[in-house]
Amino acid sequence: MFAHHAARTFALTLGLVALLASASSAPAAEESTAAAKKSVVNLNQASADELARLPRVGPSLAGKIVAHREQHGPFKRAQDLMEVKGIGEKMFALLEPYLAVSGPTTLTEKVSSKGTTARKAAKPAKAKASAVAEKAGR
């Protein structure tokens, strides 16, 4: 009888350990997936059009970034972007989540200064416009 209880206790303990192991590895898997989905612009390969997708970066500033890269060579680290005239610490802090110095450029849409892409920002505007039209129709 003791062996039966010991075997059952062991099986329950083993199941609990497996459950805890899978639960603790799940957040790590989610983090790596989130990191893989992170949209970035490679400062060393991006065109002016791709750089202009960054928040508060227009065609003029994107051109300055490309010109700086052509004159001084590739950026060694993202912080080197502050050497470009027009990009200070505050601007860099806004851009930093979207910057990379290696790998592919994965940012495909313009990001607003609030951190939303053009598509995400356009949806509330449509909803707001329909709400205004609805109130006007009353």
N, C-alpha and C. Protein backbone atom coordinates (compact mmCIF):
# COMPACT_ATOMS: atom_id res chain seq x y z
N MET A 1 0.83 -1.18 0.00
CA MET A 1 0.00 0.00 0.00
C MET A 1 0.88 1.25 0.00
N PHE A 2 1.96 1.20 0.77
CA PHE A 2 2.87 2.33 0.81
C PHE A 2 3.44 2.61 -0.58
N ALA A 3 3.78 1.59 -1.32
CA ALA A 3 4.34 1.75 -2.67
C ALA A 3 3.33 2.40 -3.59
N HIS A 4 2.06 2.05 -3.46
CA HIS A 4 1.01 2.64 -4.28
C HIS A 4 0.89 4.15 -4.03
N HIS A 5 0.89 4.56 -2.75
CA HIS A 5 0.81 5.98 -2.40
C HIS A 5 2.07 6.72 -2.83
N ALA A 6 3.20 6.11 -2.68
CA ALA A 6 4.46 6.74 -3.08
C ALA A 6 4.51 6.94 -4.59
N ALA A 7 4.04 5.97 -5.34
CA ALA A 7 4.02 6.09 -6.80
C ALA A 7 3.07 7.20 -7.24
N ARG A 8 1.91 7.27 -6.60
CA ARG A 8 0.95 8.31 -6.94
C ARG A 8 1.48 9.70 -6.57
N THR A 9 2.09 9.82 -5.41
CA THR A 9 2.69 11.09 -4.99
C THR A 9 3.80 11.50 -5.94
N PHE A 10 4.61 10.54 -6.34
CA PHE A 10 5.69 10.82 -7.28
C PHE A 10 5.13 11.30 -8.62
N ALA A 11 4.09 10.65 -9.11
CA ALA A 11 3.48 11.03 -10.39
C ALA A 11 2.89 12.44 -10.31
N LEU A 12 2.22 12.75 -9.21
CA LEU A 12 1.66 14.09 -9.03
C LEU A 12 2.77 15.15 -8.96
N THR A 13 3.83 14.83 -8.24
CA THR A 13 4.96 15.75 -8.13
C THR A 13 5.60 15.98 -9.49
N LEU A 14 5.78 14.92 -10.24
CA LEU A 14 6.37 15.02 -11.57
C LEU A 14 5.49 15.87 -12.49
N GLY A 15 4.20 15.68 -12.40
CA GLY A 15 3.27 16.48 -13.20
C GLY A 15 3.32 17.95 -12.83
N LEU A 16 3.41 18.22 -11.54
CA LEU A 16 3.49 19.59 -11.06
C LEU A 16 4.78 20.27 -11.53
N VAL A 17 5.88 19.53 -11.47
CA VAL A 17 7.17 20.06 -11.95
C VAL A 17 7.09 20.37 -13.44
N ALA A 18 6.49 19.49 -14.22
CA ALA A 18 6.35 19.71 -15.67
C ALA A 18 5.48 20.93 -15.94
N LEU A 19 4.40 21.09 -15.17
CA LEU A 19 3.52 22.23 -15.34
C LEU A 19 4.24 23.54 -15.01
N LEU A 20 4.98 23.55 -13.93
CA LEU A 20 5.73 24.74 -13.55
C LEU A 20 6.82 25.07 -14.58
N ALA A 21 7.47 24.06 -15.11
CA ALA A 21 8.52 24.28 -16.10
C ALA A 21 7.94 24.88 -17.38
N SER A 22 6.78 24.39 -17.80
CA SER A 22 6.19 24.93 -19.03
C SER A 22 5.65 26.34 -18.79
N ALA A 23 5.15 26.61 -17.60
CA ALA A 23 4.63 27.95 -17.30
C ALA A 23 5.75 28.98 -17.24
N SER A 24 6.91 28.61 -16.72
CA SER A 24 8.00 29.57 -16.62
C SER A 24 8.68 29.79 -17.96
N SER A 25 8.61 28.83 -18.89
CA SER A 25 9.23 29.03 -20.19
C SER A 25 8.31 29.76 -21.16
N ALA A 26 7.01 29.81 -20.89
CA ALA A 26 6.07 30.49 -21.78
C ALA A 26 6.36 31.98 -21.89
N PRO A 27 6.59 32.72 -20.80
CA PRO A 27 6.90 34.14 -20.96
C PRO A 27 8.17 34.37 -21.77
N ALA A 28 9.16 33.52 -21.64
CA ALA A 28 10.38 33.68 -22.41
C ALA A 28 10.09 33.51 -23.89
N ALA A 29 9.23 32.57 -24.24
CA ALA A 29 8.86 32.37 -25.64
C ALA A 29 8.09 33.57 -26.16
N GLU A 30 7.20 34.14 -25.33
CA GLU A 30 6.44 35.33 -25.75
C GLU A 30 7.37 36.51 -25.96
N GLU A 31 8.38 36.67 -25.08
CA GLU A 31 9.32 37.77 -25.22
C GLU A 31 10.12 37.65 -26.51
N SER A 32 10.56 36.43 -26.84
CA SER A 32 11.34 36.27 -28.06
C SER A 32 10.47 36.52 -29.28
N THR A 33 9.18 36.15 -29.23
CA THR A 33 8.27 36.43 -30.33
C THR A 33 8.05 37.93 -30.46
N ALA A 34 7.90 38.62 -29.33
CA ALA A 34 7.72 40.07 -29.37
C ALA A 34 8.96 40.75 -29.93
N ALA A 35 10.13 40.25 -29.56
CA ALA A 35 11.37 40.82 -30.07
C ALA A 35 11.48 40.60 -31.57
N ALA A 36 11.01 39.44 -32.03
CA ALA A 36 11.08 39.15 -33.46
C ALA A 36 10.12 40.04 -34.24
N LYS A 37 9.01 40.45 -33.62
CA LYS A 37 8.02 41.30 -34.29
C LYS A 37 8.39 42.78 -34.23
N LYS A 38 9.40 43.14 -33.47
CA LYS A 38 9.78 44.53 -33.30
C LYS A 38 10.18 45.12 -34.65
N SER A 39 9.58 46.22 -35.00
CA SER A 39 9.88 46.88 -36.27
C SER A 39 11.01 47.87 -36.09
N VAL A 40 12.06 47.71 -36.90
CA VAL A 40 13.22 48.58 -36.80
C VAL A 40 13.68 49.05 -38.17
N VAL A 41 14.48 50.10 -38.15
CA VAL A 41 15.12 50.61 -39.36
C VAL A 41 16.62 50.46 -39.17
N ASN A 42 17.27 49.79 -40.10
CA ASN A 42 18.72 49.63 -40.06
C ASN A 42 19.35 50.92 -40.56
N LEU A 43 20.00 51.65 -39.67
CA LEU A 43 20.60 52.94 -40.02
C LEU A 43 21.66 52.83 -41.10
N ASN A 44 22.28 51.68 -41.23
CA ASN A 44 23.37 51.52 -42.18
C ASN A 44 22.94 51.06 -43.56
N GLN A 45 21.70 50.64 -43.71
CA GLN A 45 21.24 50.16 -45.00
C GLN A 45 19.99 50.86 -45.50
N ALA A 46 19.26 51.51 -44.64
CA ALA A 46 17.96 52.09 -45.01
C ALA A 46 18.11 53.25 -45.99
N SER A 47 17.16 53.32 -46.90
CA SER A 47 17.08 54.45 -47.82
C SER A 47 16.47 55.64 -47.10
N ALA A 48 16.49 56.79 -47.73
CA ALA A 48 15.88 57.98 -47.13
C ALA A 48 14.38 57.76 -46.92
N ASP A 49 13.73 57.08 -47.85
CA ASP A 49 12.30 56.79 -47.70
C ASP A 49 12.04 55.91 -46.49
N GLU A 50 12.88 54.91 -46.27
CA GLU A 50 12.72 54.02 -45.12
C GLU A 50 13.00 54.77 -43.81
N LEU A 51 14.00 55.63 -43.82
CA LEU A 51 14.31 56.43 -42.62
C LEU A 51 13.18 57.40 -42.29
N ALA A 52 12.49 57.89 -43.31
CA ALA A 52 11.39 58.84 -43.11
C ALA A 52 10.19 58.18 -42.44
N ARG A 53 10.17 56.88 -42.30
CA ARG A 53 9.10 56.18 -41.59
C ARG A 53 9.23 56.34 -40.08
N LEU A 54 10.40 56.75 -39.63
CA LEU A 54 10.62 56.94 -38.19
C LEU A 54 9.81 58.12 -37.69
N PRO A 55 9.42 58.12 -36.41
CA PRO A 55 8.65 59.24 -35.88
C PRO A 55 9.44 60.55 -35.94
N ARG A 56 8.78 61.60 -36.36
CA ARG A 56 9.32 62.96 -36.45
C ARG A 56 10.50 63.08 -37.41
N VAL A 57 10.67 62.10 -38.30
CA VAL A 57 11.71 62.18 -39.33
C VAL A 57 11.01 62.35 -40.67
N GLY A 58 11.30 63.47 -41.31
CA GLY A 58 10.74 63.73 -42.63
C GLY A 58 11.81 63.54 -43.69
N PRO A 59 11.50 63.89 -44.93
CA PRO A 59 12.46 63.71 -46.02
C PRO A 59 13.77 64.47 -45.82
N SER A 60 13.69 65.67 -45.26
CA SER A 60 14.89 66.48 -45.06
C SER A 60 15.85 65.83 -44.06
N LEU A 61 15.34 65.46 -42.90
CA LEU A 61 16.18 64.84 -41.88
C LEU A 61 16.67 63.46 -42.35
N ALA A 62 15.83 62.72 -43.05
CA ALA A 62 16.25 61.42 -43.58
C ALA A 62 17.41 61.60 -44.54
N GLY A 63 17.36 62.67 -45.36
CA GLY A 63 18.46 62.96 -46.28
C GLY A 63 19.74 63.30 -45.54
N LYS A 64 19.62 64.01 -44.41
CA LYS A 64 20.79 64.34 -43.60
C LYS A 64 21.42 63.07 -43.01
N ILE A 65 20.59 62.13 -42.62
CA ILE A 65 21.10 60.87 -42.05
C ILE A 65 21.87 60.10 -43.12
N VAL A 66 21.30 60.01 -44.32
CA VAL A 66 21.96 59.31 -45.42
C VAL A 66 23.27 60.01 -45.78
N ALA A 67 23.26 61.35 -45.84
CA ALA A 67 24.47 62.11 -46.17
C ALA A 67 25.55 61.88 -45.11
N HIS A 68 25.15 61.88 -43.84
CA HIS A 68 26.11 61.63 -42.75
C HIS A 68 26.73 60.25 -42.89
N ARG A 69 25.89 59.27 -43.20
CA ARG A 69 26.38 57.89 -43.36
C ARG A 69 27.36 57.80 -44.53
N GLU A 70 27.08 58.51 -45.62
CA GLU A 70 27.96 58.49 -46.79
C GLU A 70 29.29 59.18 -46.49
N GLN A 71 29.26 60.26 -45.70
CA GLN A 71 30.48 61.01 -45.38
C GLN A 71 31.34 60.32 -44.33
N HIS A 72 30.70 59.75 -43.32
CA HIS A 72 31.43 59.24 -42.15
C HIS A 72 31.46 57.72 -42.05
N GLY A 73 30.82 57.03 -42.95
CA GLY A 73 30.79 55.57 -42.88
C GLY A 73 29.62 55.08 -42.05
N PRO A 74 29.52 53.78 -41.89
CA PRO A 74 28.37 53.20 -41.18
C PRO A 74 28.35 53.60 -39.70
N PHE A 75 27.15 53.62 -39.17
CA PHE A 75 26.97 53.89 -37.75
C PHE A 75 27.44 52.66 -36.97
N LYS A 76 28.28 52.87 -35.97
CA LYS A 76 28.76 51.75 -35.16
C LYS A 76 27.72 51.36 -34.10
N ARG A 77 27.00 52.35 -33.63
CA ARG A 77 25.94 52.12 -32.64
C ARG A 77 24.84 53.14 -32.89
N ALA A 78 23.65 52.87 -32.42
CA ALA A 78 22.50 53.73 -32.66
C ALA A 78 22.72 55.14 -32.10
N GLN A 79 23.42 55.25 -30.97
CA GLN A 79 23.66 56.55 -30.34
C GLN A 79 24.43 57.50 -31.25
N ASP A 80 25.19 56.96 -32.21
CA ASP A 80 25.95 57.80 -33.14
C ASP A 80 25.03 58.65 -34.00
N LEU A 81 23.76 58.32 -34.03
CA LEU A 81 22.79 59.11 -34.81
C LEU A 81 22.70 60.54 -34.27
N MET A 82 23.05 60.75 -33.01
CA MET A 82 22.99 62.09 -32.43
C MET A 82 24.06 63.01 -33.02
N GLU A 83 24.97 62.47 -33.82
CA GLU A 83 25.96 63.30 -34.51
C GLU A 83 25.33 64.03 -35.70
N VAL A 84 24.17 63.59 -36.14
CA VAL A 84 23.47 64.22 -37.26
C VAL A 84 22.78 65.48 -36.76
N LYS A 85 22.98 66.58 -37.47
CA LYS A 85 22.37 67.85 -37.07
C LYS A 85 20.85 67.71 -37.11
N GLY A 86 20.22 68.09 -36.02
CA GLY A 86 18.76 67.99 -35.93
C GLY A 86 18.31 66.84 -35.04
N ILE A 87 19.25 66.01 -34.58
CA ILE A 87 18.89 64.90 -33.70
C ILE A 87 19.64 65.07 -32.39
N GLY A 88 18.89 65.44 -31.36
CA GLY A 88 19.45 65.60 -30.03
C GLY A 88 19.02 64.45 -29.14
N GLU A 89 19.22 64.60 -27.86
CA GLU A 89 18.91 63.53 -26.92
C GLU A 89 17.43 63.19 -26.87
N LYS A 90 16.57 64.22 -26.87
CA LYS A 90 15.12 63.96 -26.81
C LYS A 90 14.64 63.25 -28.07
N MET A 91 15.11 63.73 -29.21
CA MET A 91 14.73 63.10 -30.48
C MET A 91 15.25 61.67 -30.52
N PHE A 92 16.49 61.46 -30.09
CA PHE A 92 17.05 60.12 -30.09
C PHE A 92 16.25 59.19 -29.19
N ALA A 93 15.83 59.67 -28.03
CA ALA A 93 15.04 58.84 -27.10
C ALA A 93 13.74 58.38 -27.76
N LEU A 94 13.15 59.23 -28.59
CA LEU A 94 11.93 58.88 -29.31
C LEU A 94 12.21 57.83 -30.40
N LEU A 95 13.36 57.96 -31.06
CA LEU A 95 13.71 57.08 -32.17
C LEU A 95 14.30 55.74 -31.74
N GLU A 96 14.96 55.72 -30.61
CA GLU A 96 15.76 54.55 -30.20
C GLU A 96 15.07 53.21 -30.30
N PRO A 97 13.79 53.07 -29.92
CA PRO A 97 13.16 51.75 -30.03
C PRO A 97 13.07 51.23 -31.46
N TYR A 98 13.20 52.11 -32.44
CA TYR A 98 13.04 51.72 -33.84
C TYR A 98 14.37 51.64 -34.59
N LEU A 99 15.48 51.77 -33.89
CA LEU A 99 16.78 51.84 -34.55
C LEU A 99 17.58 50.55 -34.42
N ALA A 100 18.31 50.22 -35.48
CA ALA A 100 19.23 49.08 -35.48
C ALA A 100 20.41 49.46 -36.35
N VAL A 101 21.56 48.85 -36.11
CA VAL A 101 22.74 49.09 -36.94
C VAL A 101 23.12 47.83 -37.72
N SER A 102 22.34 46.77 -37.56
CA SER A 102 22.55 45.56 -38.33
C SER A 102 21.21 44.87 -38.53
N GLY A 103 21.18 43.92 -39.45
CA GLY A 103 19.95 43.19 -39.72
C GLY A 103 19.07 43.94 -40.70
N PRO A 104 17.94 43.36 -41.03
CA PRO A 104 17.06 43.97 -42.03
C PRO A 104 16.22 45.11 -41.45
N THR A 105 15.78 45.99 -42.32
CA THR A 105 14.81 47.02 -41.95
C THR A 105 13.44 46.36 -42.01
N THR A 106 12.73 46.37 -40.90
CA THR A 106 11.43 45.71 -40.84
C THR A 106 10.28 46.68 -40.62
N LEU A 107 10.57 47.95 -40.43
CA LEU A 107 9.53 48.96 -40.25
C LEU A 107 8.92 49.26 -41.62
N THR A 108 7.64 48.99 -41.79
CA THR A 108 7.02 49.12 -43.10
C THR A 108 6.06 50.29 -43.21
N GLU A 109 5.70 50.91 -42.09
CA GLU A 109 4.77 52.04 -42.11
C GLU A 109 5.32 53.19 -41.28
N LYS A 110 4.89 54.39 -41.61
CA LYS A 110 5.28 55.58 -40.87
C LYS A 110 4.79 55.46 -39.43
N VAL A 111 5.65 55.81 -38.48
CA VAL A 111 5.29 55.79 -37.06
C VAL A 111 5.08 57.23 -36.62
N SER A 112 3.95 57.50 -35.96
CA SER A 112 3.70 58.85 -35.46
C SER A 112 4.56 59.10 -34.24
N SER A 113 4.63 60.34 -33.82
CA SER A 113 5.44 60.67 -32.64
C SER A 113 4.85 60.06 -31.38
N LYS A 114 3.60 59.58 -31.47
CA LYS A 114 2.97 58.92 -30.32
C LYS A 114 3.25 57.43 -30.31
N GLY A 115 4.00 56.94 -31.33
CA GLY A 115 4.38 55.53 -31.36
C GLY A 115 3.40 54.63 -32.08
N THR A 116 2.43 55.19 -32.79
CA THR A 116 1.49 54.37 -33.53
C THR A 116 1.80 54.46 -35.01
N THR A 117 1.51 53.39 -35.73
CA THR A 117 1.73 53.42 -37.17
C THR A 117 0.59 54.17 -37.83
N ALA A 118 0.78 54.55 -39.07
CA ALA A 118 -0.23 55.32 -39.79
C ALA A 118 -1.54 54.56 -39.86
N ARG A 119 -1.48 53.26 -40.07
CA ARG A 119 -2.70 52.46 -40.17
C ARG A 119 -3.45 52.46 -38.84
N LYS A 120 -2.74 52.28 -37.73
CA LYS A 120 -3.38 52.28 -36.42
C LYS A 120 -3.96 53.65 -36.09
N ALA A 121 -3.24 54.69 -36.45
CA ALA A 121 -3.70 56.04 -36.16
C ALA A 121 -4.90 56.41 -37.00
N ALA A 122 -5.04 55.84 -38.20
CA ALA A 122 -6.13 56.20 -39.10
C ALA A 122 -7.46 55.62 -38.62
N LYS A 123 -7.44 54.48 -37.95
CA LYS A 123 -8.68 53.85 -37.52
C LYS A 123 -9.47 54.72 -36.55
N PRO A 124 -8.87 55.27 -35.49
CA PRO A 124 -9.66 56.12 -34.59
C PRO A 124 -10.19 57.38 -35.29
N ALA A 125 -9.44 57.89 -36.25
CA ALA A 125 -9.89 59.08 -36.96
C ALA A 125 -11.18 58.79 -37.72
N LYS A 126 -11.28 57.61 -38.34
CA LYS A 126 -12.49 57.24 -39.05
C LYS A 126 -13.65 57.09 -38.07
N ALA A 127 -13.39 56.48 -36.94
CA ALA A 127 -14.42 56.30 -35.94
C ALA A 127 -14.89 57.65 -35.41
N LYS A 128 -13.94 58.57 -35.21
CA LYS A 128 -14.28 59.90 -34.73
C LYS A 128 -15.12 60.64 -35.77
N ALA A 129 -14.74 60.52 -37.04
CA ALA A 129 -15.48 61.20 -38.11
C ALA A 129 -16.90 60.68 -38.21
N SER A 130 -17.09 59.36 -38.07
CA SER A 130 -18.44 58.81 -38.15
C SER A 130 -19.27 59.22 -36.94
N ALA A 131 -18.63 59.37 -35.77
CA ALA A 131 -19.34 59.82 -34.58
C ALA A 131 -19.79 61.27 -34.75
N VAL A 132 -18.94 62.10 -35.34
CA VAL A 132 -19.29 63.51 -35.58
C VAL A 132 -20.44 63.58 -36.58
N ALA A 133 -20.36 62.77 -37.63
CA ALA A 133 -21.43 62.75 -38.64
C ALA A 133 -22.75 62.28 -38.04
N GLU A 134 -22.67 61.31 -37.14
CA GLU A 134 -23.86 60.79 -36.49
C GLU A 134 -24.51 61.86 -35.62
N LYS A 135 -23.69 62.63 -34.89
CA LYS A 135 -24.24 63.70 -34.05
C LYS A 135 -24.86 64.80 -34.90
N ALA A 136 -24.25 65.10 -36.05
CA ALA A 136 -24.76 66.13 -36.93
C ALA A 136 -26.10 65.72 -37.54
N GLY A 137 -26.30 64.42 -37.71
CA GLY A 137 -27.53 63.91 -38.31
C GLY A 137 -28.71 63.93 -37.37
N ARG A 138 -28.50 64.14 -36.11
CA ARG A 138 -29.60 64.13 -35.13
C ARG A 138 -30.47 65.26 -35.30
